[in-house]
Each structure stands twice: as structure tokens, then as C-alpha cells.
Amino acid sequence: MFSTSPLAIQIEFAVVQVKNIQSDSKTQVKLLGLGIGVGSTLEVLRNRGGDMVLANNNIRISLGRSIANNILVTSDKNGGHNHG
């Protein structure tokens, strides 16, 4: 079983997979609109203590730290994006 940790603590350039989103349904719908849902693969482009900048394929997304703390992820052992 994979251990999960908050997106907010991931290091820059880490590639992670979303396993759970601990928020209300309104926030989950907004995240889905940004392409972030359970099973999504994200790359952390910037994480310097404030907002985070993520990559989801060719899309760049900025998330606040409070939301990022509620997104649980695991390391992507495949080492990159799935361009299937």
C-alpha cells in the first residue's frame, strides 16, 4: 500500500499522483475544472512556502497552500507524465 502525504510538502520537480482530496464538494468541483482529481498526475514546479505552481500535462496551475494541504498524493514511480 502506498503512503500518502499532502501536496503542500512535496519538493520542487516531484511528480506525484493524487489519491484523495479532503475538501467540500464545491472545492472538489473547482479542482476538477482545473484538471485536478483523484488519479491525476501532477509535477511540482514551484513550492517555496506560499502558493504552489503545478504542471498537469501542458497546463500550469497555481494553488494556495491551504488547498494543497488537503490534496493527498503519492510519488509517481513511473517518473513522468503519461502521454498516452
PDB file of N, CA and C in Angstrom:
ATOM      1  N   MET A   1       0.838  -1.193   0.000  1.00  0.00           N
ATOM      2  CA  MET A   1       0.000   0.000   0.000  1.00  0.00           C
ATOM      3  C   MET A   1       0.880   1.252   0.000  1.00  0.00           C
ATOM      4  N   PHE A   2       0.482   2.224  -0.797  1.00  0.00           N
ATOM      5  CA  PHE A   2       1.250   3.460  -0.889  1.00  0.00           C
ATOM      6  C   PHE A   2       0.900   4.374   0.273  1.00  0.00           C
ATOM      7  N   SER A   3       1.916   5.064   0.812  1.00  0.00           N
ATOM      8  CA  SER A   3       1.632   6.056   1.838  1.00  0.00           C
ATOM      9  C   SER A   3       1.384   7.396   1.153  1.00  0.00           C
ATOM     10  N   THR A   4       0.438   8.121   1.676  1.00  0.00           N
ATOM     11  CA  THR A   4       0.095   9.415   1.093  1.00  0.00           C
ATOM     12  C   THR A   4       0.628  10.535   1.973  1.00  0.00           C
ATOM     13  N   SER A   5       0.836  11.685   1.360  1.00  0.00           N
ATOM     14  CA  SER A   5       1.243  12.876   2.088  1.00  0.00           C
ATOM     15  C   SER A   5       0.642  14.084   1.374  1.00  0.00           C
ATOM     16  N   PRO A   6       0.530  15.212   2.076  1.00  0.00           N
ATOM     17  CA  PRO A   6      -0.070  16.393   1.457  1.00  0.00           C
ATOM     18  C   PRO A   6       0.754  16.917   0.274  1.00  0.00           C
ATOM     19  N   LEU A   7       0.063  17.398  -0.726  1.00  0.00           N
ATOM     20  CA  LEU A   7       0.717  18.007  -1.878  1.00  0.00           C
ATOM     21  C   LEU A   7       1.606  19.169  -1.433  1.00  0.00           C
ATOM     22  N   ALA A   8       1.191  19.892  -0.414  1.00  0.00           N
ATOM     23  CA  ALA A   8       1.897  21.095   0.030  1.00  0.00           C
ATOM     24  C   ALA A   8       3.329  20.829   0.484  1.00  0.00           C
ATOM     25  N   ILE A   9       3.663  19.595   0.872  1.00  0.00           N
ATOM     26  CA  ILE A   9       5.017  19.327   1.377  1.00  0.00           C
ATOM     27  C   ILE A   9       5.925  18.684   0.331  1.00  0.00           C
ATOM     28  N   GLN A  10       5.451  18.558  -0.888  1.00  0.00           N
ATOM     29  CA  GLN A  10       6.261  17.922  -1.932  1.00  0.00           C
ATOM     30  C   GLN A  10       7.364  18.862  -2.399  1.00  0.00           C
ATOM     31  N   ILE A  11       8.507  18.285  -2.755  1.00  0.00           N
ATOM     32  CA  ILE A  11       9.628  19.091  -3.211  1.00  0.00           C
ATOM     33  C   ILE A  11       9.428  19.505  -4.672  1.00  0.00           C
ATOM     34  N   GLU A  12      10.123  20.552  -5.068  1.00  0.00           N
ATOM     35  CA  GLU A  12      10.040  21.020  -6.444  1.00  0.00           C
ATOM     36  C   GLU A  12      10.523  19.938  -7.403  1.00  0.00           C
ATOM     37  N   PHE A  13       9.844  19.819  -8.505  1.00  0.00           N
ATOM     38  CA  PHE A  13      10.094  18.866  -9.584  1.00  0.00           C
ATOM     39  C   PHE A  13       9.667  17.443  -9.245  1.00  0.00           C
ATOM     40  N   ALA A  14       9.025  17.246  -8.098  1.00  0.00           N
ATOM     41  CA  ALA A  14       8.457  15.933  -7.781  1.00  0.00           C
ATOM     42  C   ALA A  14       7.272  15.677  -8.701  1.00  0.00           C
ATOM     43  N   VAL A  15       7.117  14.432  -9.126  1.00  0.00           N
ATOM     44  CA  VAL A  15       5.957  14.008  -9.911  1.00  0.00           C
ATOM     45  C   VAL A  15       5.123  13.125  -9.000  1.00  0.00           C
ATOM     46  N   VAL A  16       3.864  13.503  -8.811  1.00  0.00           N
ATOM     47  CA  VAL A  16       3.001  12.825  -7.846  1.00  0.00           C
ATOM     48  C   VAL A  16       1.659  12.475  -8.476  1.00  0.00           C
ATOM     49  N   GLN A  17       0.974  11.540  -7.831  1.00  0.00           N
ATOM     50  CA  GLN A  17      -0.365  11.161  -8.268  1.00  0.00           C
ATOM     51  C   GLN A  17      -1.344  11.454  -7.140  1.00  0.00           C
ATOM     52  N   VAL A  18      -2.473  12.091  -7.483  1.00  0.00           N
ATOM     53  CA  VAL A  18      -3.496  12.433  -6.497  1.00  0.00           C
ATOM     54  C   VAL A  18      -4.240  11.167  -6.080  1.00  0.00           C
ATOM     55  N   LYS A  19      -4.315  10.940  -4.758  1.00  0.00           N
ATOM     56  CA  LYS A  19      -5.005   9.769  -4.219  1.00  0.00           C
ATOM     57  C   LYS A  19      -6.299  10.137  -3.505  1.00  0.00           C
ATOM     58  N   ASN A  20      -6.358  11.337  -2.934  1.00  0.00           N
ATOM     59  CA  ASN A  20      -7.551  11.736  -2.176  1.00  0.00           C
ATOM     60  C   ASN A  20      -7.576  13.259  -2.074  1.00  0.00           C
ATOM     61  N   ILE A  21      -8.785  13.827  -2.121  1.00  0.00           N
ATOM     62  CA  ILE A  21      -8.960  15.261  -1.926  1.00  0.00           C
ATOM     63  C   ILE A  21      -9.908  15.436  -0.749  1.00  0.00           C
ATOM     64  N   GLN A  22      -9.384  16.009   0.331  1.00  0.00           N
ATOM     65  CA  GLN A  22     -10.159  16.178   1.559  1.00  0.00           C
ATOM     66  C   GLN A  22     -10.718  17.595   1.623  1.00  0.00           C
ATOM     67  N   SER A  23     -11.825  17.797   0.924  1.00  0.00           N
ATOM     68  CA  SER A  23     -12.450  19.122   0.909  1.00  0.00           C
ATOM     69  C   SER A  23     -13.932  18.969   0.595  1.00  0.00           C
ATOM     70  N   ASP A  24     -14.634  20.083   0.652  1.00  0.00           N
ATOM     71  CA  ASP A  24     -16.063  20.042   0.337  1.00  0.00           C
ATOM     72  C   ASP A  24     -16.263  19.835  -1.163  1.00  0.00           C
ATOM     73  N   SER A  25     -17.470  19.491  -1.528  1.00  0.00           N
ATOM     74  CA  SER A  25     -17.735  19.164  -2.937  1.00  0.00           C
ATOM     75  C   SER A  25     -17.555  20.377  -3.851  1.00  0.00           C
ATOM     76  N   LYS A  26     -17.819  21.578  -3.360  1.00  0.00           N
ATOM     77  CA  LYS A  26     -17.643  22.782  -4.174  1.00  0.00           C
ATOM     78  C   LYS A  26     -16.175  22.946  -4.568  1.00  0.00           C
ATOM     79  N   THR A  27     -15.273  22.752  -3.621  1.00  0.00           N
ATOM     80  CA  THR A  27     -13.842  22.860  -3.910  1.00  0.00           C
ATOM     81  C   THR A  27     -13.399  21.740  -4.836  1.00  0.00           C
ATOM     82  N   GLN A  28     -13.921  20.535  -4.626  1.00  0.00           N
ATOM     83  CA  GLN A  28     -13.561  19.411  -5.491  1.00  0.00           C
ATOM     84  C   GLN A  28     -13.973  19.673  -6.936  1.00  0.00           C
ATOM     85  N   VAL A  29     -15.151  20.264  -7.130  1.00  0.00           N
ATOM     86  CA  VAL A  29     -15.613  20.593  -8.489  1.00  0.00           C
ATOM     87  C   VAL A  29     -14.689  21.636  -9.123  1.00  0.00           C
ATOM     88  N   LYS A  30     -14.271  22.650  -8.340  1.00  0.00           N
ATOM     89  CA  LYS A  30     -13.351  23.657  -8.871  1.00  0.00           C
ATOM     90  C   LYS A  30     -12.021  23.025  -9.263  1.00  0.00           C
ATOM     91  N   LEU A  31     -11.521  22.116  -8.421  1.00  0.00           N
ATOM     92  CA  LEU A  31     -10.263  21.441  -8.737  1.00  0.00           C
ATOM     93  C   LEU A  31     -10.398  20.583  -9.999  1.00  0.00           C
ATOM     94  N   LEU A  32     -11.534  19.901 -10.128  1.00  0.00           N
ATOM     95  CA  LEU A  32     -11.766  19.104 -11.338  1.00  0.00           C
ATOM     96  C   LEU A  32     -11.762  19.987 -12.584  1.00  0.00           C
ATOM     97  N   GLY A  33     -12.292  21.190 -12.456  1.00  0.00           N
ATOM     98  CA  GLY A  33     -12.278  22.141 -13.561  1.00  0.00           C
ATOM     99  C   GLY A  33     -10.867  22.551 -13.958  1.00  0.00           C
ATOM    100  N   LEU A  34      -9.927  22.450 -13.011  1.00  0.00           N
ATOM    101  CA  LEU A  34      -8.524  22.743 -13.286  1.00  0.00           C
ATOM    102  C   LEU A  34      -7.765  21.491 -13.725  1.00  0.00           C
ATOM    103  N   GLY A  35      -8.469  20.366 -13.789  1.00  0.00           N
ATOM    104  CA  GLY A  35      -7.826  19.121 -14.188  1.00  0.00           C
ATOM    105  C   GLY A  35      -7.197  18.358 -13.046  1.00  0.00           C
ATOM    106  N   ILE A  36      -7.573  18.692 -11.808  1.00  0.00           N
ATOM    107  CA  ILE A  36      -7.021  18.010 -10.638  1.00  0.00           C
ATOM    108  C   ILE A  36      -8.110  17.175  -9.993  1.00  0.00           C
ATOM    109  N   GLY A  37      -7.945  15.866 -10.060  1.00  0.00           N
ATOM    110  CA  GLY A  37      -8.882  14.934  -9.439  1.00  0.00           C
ATOM    111  C   GLY A  37      -8.122  13.691  -9.018  1.00  0.00           C
ATOM    112  N   VAL A  38      -8.807  12.773  -8.348  1.00  0.00           N
ATOM    113  CA  VAL A  38      -8.176  11.527  -7.936  1.00  0.00           C
ATOM    114  C   VAL A  38      -7.664  10.812  -9.186  1.00  0.00           C
ATOM    115  N   GLY A  39      -6.403  10.425  -9.156  1.00  0.00           N
ATOM    116  CA  GLY A  39      -5.772   9.768 -10.294  1.00  0.00           C
ATOM    117  C   GLY A  39      -4.953  10.707 -11.166  1.00  0.00           C
ATOM    118  N   SER A  40      -5.094  12.010 -10.986  1.00  0.00           N
ATOM    119  CA  SER A  40      -4.326  12.977 -11.779  1.00  0.00           C
ATOM    120  C   SER A  40      -2.841  12.890 -11.445  1.00  0.00           C
ATOM    121  N   THR A  41      -2.006  13.063 -12.455  1.00  0.00           N
ATOM    122  CA  THR A  41      -0.560  13.140 -12.254  1.00  0.00           C
ATOM    123  C   THR A  41      -0.148  14.595 -12.360  1.00  0.00           C
ATOM    124  N   LEU A  42       0.574  15.073 -11.345  1.00  0.00           N
ATOM    125  CA  LEU A  42       0.992  16.468 -11.280  1.00  0.00           C
ATOM    126  C   LEU A  42       2.494  16.556 -11.078  1.00  0.00           C
ATOM    127  N   GLU A  43       3.103  17.605 -11.611  1.00  0.00           N
ATOM    128  CA  GLU A  43       4.506  17.890 -11.334  1.00  0.00           C
ATOM    129  C   GLU A  43       4.574  19.199 -10.559  1.00  0.00           C
ATOM    130  N   VAL A  44       5.339  19.210  -9.478  1.00  0.00           N
ATOM    131  CA  VAL A  44       5.512  20.415  -8.666  1.00  0.00           C
ATOM    132  C   VAL A  44       6.597  21.268  -9.319  1.00  0.00           C
ATOM    133  N   LEU A  45       6.204  22.429  -9.833  1.00  0.00           N
ATOM    134  CA  LEU A  45       7.170  23.324 -10.474  1.00  0.00           C
ATOM    135  C   LEU A  45       7.761  24.318  -9.479  1.00  0.00           C
ATOM    136  N   ARG A  46       6.932  24.775  -8.528  1.00  0.00           N
ATOM    137  CA  ARG A  46       7.434  25.718  -7.514  1.00  0.00           C
ATOM    138  C   ARG A  46       6.725  25.459  -6.198  1.00  0.00           C
ATOM    139  N   ASN A  47       7.509  25.376  -5.138  1.00  0.00           N
ATOM    140  CA  ASN A  47       6.968  25.227  -3.793  1.00  0.00           C
ATOM    141  C   ASN A  47       7.929  25.913  -2.841  1.00  0.00           C
ATOM    142  N   ARG A  48       7.681  27.178  -2.604  1.00  0.00           N
ATOM    143  CA  ARG A  48       8.593  27.967  -1.778  1.00  0.00           C
ATOM    144  C   ARG A  48       7.902  28.568  -0.567  1.00  0.00           C
ATOM    145  N   GLY A  49       6.922  27.853  -0.034  1.00  0.00           N
ATOM    146  CA  GLY A  49       6.289  28.305   1.198  1.00  0.00           C
ATOM    147  C   GLY A  49       5.009  29.091   1.013  1.00  0.00           C
ATOM    148  N   GLY A  50       4.731  29.565  -0.187  1.00  0.00           N
ATOM    149  CA  GLY A  50       3.484  30.282  -0.447  1.00  0.00           C
ATOM    150  C   GLY A  50       2.625  29.454  -1.377  1.00  0.00           C
ATOM    151  N   ASP A  51       2.092  30.106  -2.403  1.00  0.00           N
ATOM    152  CA  ASP A  51       1.332  29.368  -3.408  1.00  0.00           C
ATOM    153  C   ASP A  51       2.252  28.391  -4.123  1.00  0.00           C
ATOM    154  N   MET A  52       1.658  27.317  -4.618  1.00  0.00           N
ATOM    155  CA  MET A  52       2.405  26.311  -5.374  1.00  0.00           C
ATOM    156  C   MET A  52       2.077  26.454  -6.846  1.00  0.00           C
ATOM    157  N   VAL A  53       3.046  26.193  -7.707  1.00  0.00           N
ATOM    158  CA  VAL A  53       2.801  26.137  -9.139  1.00  0.00           C
ATOM    159  C   VAL A  53       2.992  24.689  -9.565  1.00  0.00           C
ATOM    160  N   LEU A  54       1.975  24.154 -10.230  1.00  0.00           N
ATOM    161  CA  LEU A  54       1.955  22.758 -10.646  1.00  0.00           C
ATOM    162  C   LEU A  54       1.825  22.669 -12.156  1.00  0.00           C
ATOM    163  N   ALA A  55       2.255  21.538 -12.700  1.00  0.00           N
ATOM    164  CA  ALA A  55       2.038  21.246 -14.112  1.00  0.00           C
ATOM    165  C   ALA A  55       1.163  20.010 -14.199  1.00  0.00           C
ATOM    166  N   ASN A  56       0.144  20.088 -15.041  1.00  0.00           N
ATOM    167  CA  ASN A  56      -0.718  18.955 -15.336  1.00  0.00           C
ATOM    168  C   ASN A  56      -0.706  18.837 -16.855  1.00  0.00           C
ATOM    169  N   ASN A  57       0.165  17.947 -17.366  1.00  0.00           N
ATOM    170  CA  ASN A  57       0.472  17.889 -18.796  1.00  0.00           C
ATOM    171  C   ASN A  57       1.023  19.250 -19.218  1.00  0.00           C
ATOM    172  N   ASN A  58       0.391  19.953 -20.140  1.00  0.00           N
ATOM    173  CA  ASN A  58       0.909  21.249 -20.594  1.00  0.00           C
ATOM    174  C   ASN A  58       0.238  22.431 -19.912  1.00  0.00           C
ATOM    175  N   ILE A  59      -0.531  22.178 -18.869  1.00  0.00           N
ATOM    176  CA  ILE A  59      -1.251  23.230 -18.159  1.00  0.00           C
ATOM    177  C   ILE A  59      -0.496  23.592 -16.883  1.00  0.00           C
ATOM    178  N   ARG A  60      -0.374  24.894 -16.609  1.00  0.00           N
ATOM    179  CA  ARG A  60       0.241  25.373 -15.366  1.00  0.00           C
ATOM    180  C   ARG A  60      -0.867  25.846 -14.443  1.00  0.00           C
ATOM    181  N   ILE A  61      -0.779  25.452 -13.170  1.00  0.00           N
ATOM    182  CA  ILE A  61      -1.827  25.748 -12.195  1.00  0.00           C
ATOM    183  C   ILE A  61      -1.172  26.307 -10.940  1.00  0.00           C
ATOM    184  N   SER A  62      -1.742  27.363 -10.386  1.00  0.00           N
ATOM    185  CA  SER A  62      -1.290  27.902  -9.110  1.00  0.00           C
ATOM    186  C   SER A  62      -2.339  27.562  -8.050  1.00  0.00           C
ATOM    187  N   LEU A  63      -1.876  26.960  -6.957  1.00  0.00           N
ATOM    188  CA  LEU A  63      -2.778  26.591  -5.863  1.00  0.00           C
ATOM    189  C   LEU A  63      -2.300  27.206  -4.560  1.00  0.00           C
ATOM    190  N   GLY A  64      -3.243  27.630  -3.741  1.00  0.00           N
ATOM    191  CA  GLY A  64      -2.908  28.113  -2.413  1.00  0.00           C
ATOM    192  C   GLY A  64      -2.502  26.965  -1.505  1.00  0.00           C
ATOM    193  N   ARG A  65      -1.719  27.284  -0.495  1.00  0.00           N
ATOM    194  CA  ARG A  65      -1.208  26.273   0.419  1.00  0.00           C
ATOM    195  C   ARG A  65      -2.320  25.567   1.184  1.00  0.00           C
ATOM    196  N   SER A  66      -3.382  26.260   1.561  1.00  0.00           N
ATOM    197  CA  SER A  66      -4.450  25.609   2.337  1.00  0.00           C
ATOM    198  C   SER A  66      -5.145  24.529   1.518  1.00  0.00           C
ATOM    199  N   ILE A  67      -5.355  24.760   0.242  1.00  0.00           N
ATOM    200  CA  ILE A  67      -5.957  23.733  -0.615  1.00  0.00           C
ATOM    201  C   ILE A  67      -4.957  22.606  -0.851  1.00  0.00           C
ATOM    202  N   ALA A  68      -3.696  22.959  -1.081  1.00  0.00           N
ATOM    203  CA  ALA A  68      -2.669  21.945  -1.334  1.00  0.00           C
ATOM    204  C   ALA A  68      -2.496  21.010  -0.137  1.00  0.00           C
ATOM    205  N   ASN A  69      -2.742  21.502   1.063  1.00  0.00           N
ATOM    206  CA  ASN A  69      -2.650  20.659   2.254  1.00  0.00           C
ATOM    207  C   ASN A  69      -3.755  19.608   2.291  1.00  0.00           C
ATOM    208  N   ASN A  70      -4.850  19.842   1.587  1.00  0.00           N
ATOM    209  CA  ASN A  70      -5.982  18.908   1.584  1.00  0.00           C
ATOM    210  C   ASN A  70      -5.949  17.919   0.422  1.00  0.00           C
ATOM    211  N   ILE A  71      -4.923  18.004  -0.411  1.00  0.00           N
ATOM    212  CA  ILE A  71      -4.775  17.071  -1.527  1.00  0.00           C
ATOM    213  C   ILE A  71      -3.690  16.070  -1.155  1.00  0.00           C
ATOM    214  N   LEU A  72      -4.084  14.802  -1.009  1.00  0.00           N
ATOM    215  CA  LEU A  72      -3.133  13.762  -0.620  1.00  0.00           C
ATOM    216  C   LEU A  72      -2.611  13.068  -1.866  1.00  0.00           C
ATOM    217  N   VAL A  73      -1.295  12.901  -1.927  1.00  0.00           N
ATOM    218  CA  VAL A  73      -0.633  12.354  -3.108  1.00  0.00           C
ATOM    219  C   VAL A  73       0.365  11.271  -2.725  1.00  0.00           C
ATOM    220  N   THR A  74       0.758  10.507  -3.728  1.00  0.00           N
ATOM    221  CA  THR A  74       1.878   9.566  -3.608  1.00  0.00           C
ATOM    222  C   THR A  74       2.878   9.893  -4.702  1.00  0.00           C
ATOM    223  N   SER A  75       4.112   9.483  -4.489  1.00  0.00           N
ATOM    224  CA  SER A  75       5.132   9.653  -5.529  1.00  0.00           C
ATOM    225  C   SER A  75       4.762   8.813  -6.730  1.00  0.00           C
ATOM    226  N   ASP A  76       4.977   9.377  -7.923  1.00  0.00           N
ATOM    227  CA  ASP A  76       4.733   8.642  -9.168  1.00  0.00           C
ATOM    228  C   ASP A  76       5.995   7.864  -9.497  1.00  0.00           C
ATOM    229  N   LYS A  77       5.968   6.564  -9.273  1.00  0.00           N
ATOM    230  CA  LYS A  77       7.148   5.728  -9.503  1.00  0.00           C
ATOM    231  C   LYS A  77       7.456   5.555 -10.980  1.00  0.00           C
ATOM    232  N   ASN A  78       6.521   5.964 -11.861  1.00  0.00           N
ATOM    233  CA  ASN A  78       6.761   5.861 -13.299  1.00  0.00           C
ATOM    234  C   ASN A  78       7.666   6.977 -13.791  1.00  0.00           C
ATOM    235  N   GLY A  79       7.845   8.003 -12.950  1.00  0.00           N
ATOM    236  CA  GLY A  79       8.813   9.042 -13.262  1.00  0.00           C
ATOM    237  C   GLY A  79       8.448  10.002 -14.365  1.00  0.00           C
ATOM    238  N   GLY A  80       7.184  10.289 -14.551  1.00  0.00           N
ATOM    239  CA  GLY A  80       6.848  11.282 -15.553  1.00  0.00           C
ATOM    240  C   GLY A  80       5.394  11.267 -15.933  1.00  0.00           C
ATOM    241  N   HIS A  81       5.065  12.122 -16.876  1.00  0.00           N
ATOM    242  CA  HIS A  81       3.683  12.246 -17.326  1.00  0.00           C
ATOM    243  C   HIS A  81       3.324  11.106 -18.265  1.00  0.00           C
ATOM    244  N   ASN A  82       2.076  10.767 -18.253  1.00  0.00           N
ATOM    245  CA  ASN A  82       1.564   9.750 -19.176  1.00  0.00           C
ATOM    246  C   ASN A  82       1.041  10.469 -20.409  1.00  0.00           C
ATOM    247  N   HIS A  83       1.718  10.331 -21.517  1.00  0.00           N
ATOM    248  CA  HIS A  83       1.303  10.998 -22.746  1.00  0.00           C
ATOM    249  C   HIS A  83       0.535  10.057 -23.654  1.00  0.00           C
ATOM    250  N   GLY A  84      -0.218   9.096 -23.073  1.00  0.00           N
ATOM    251  CA  GLY A  84      -0.953   8.112 -23.852  1.00  0.00           C
ATOM    252  C   GLY A  84      -2.097   8.697 -24.525  1.00  0.00           C
TER     253      GLY A  84
END
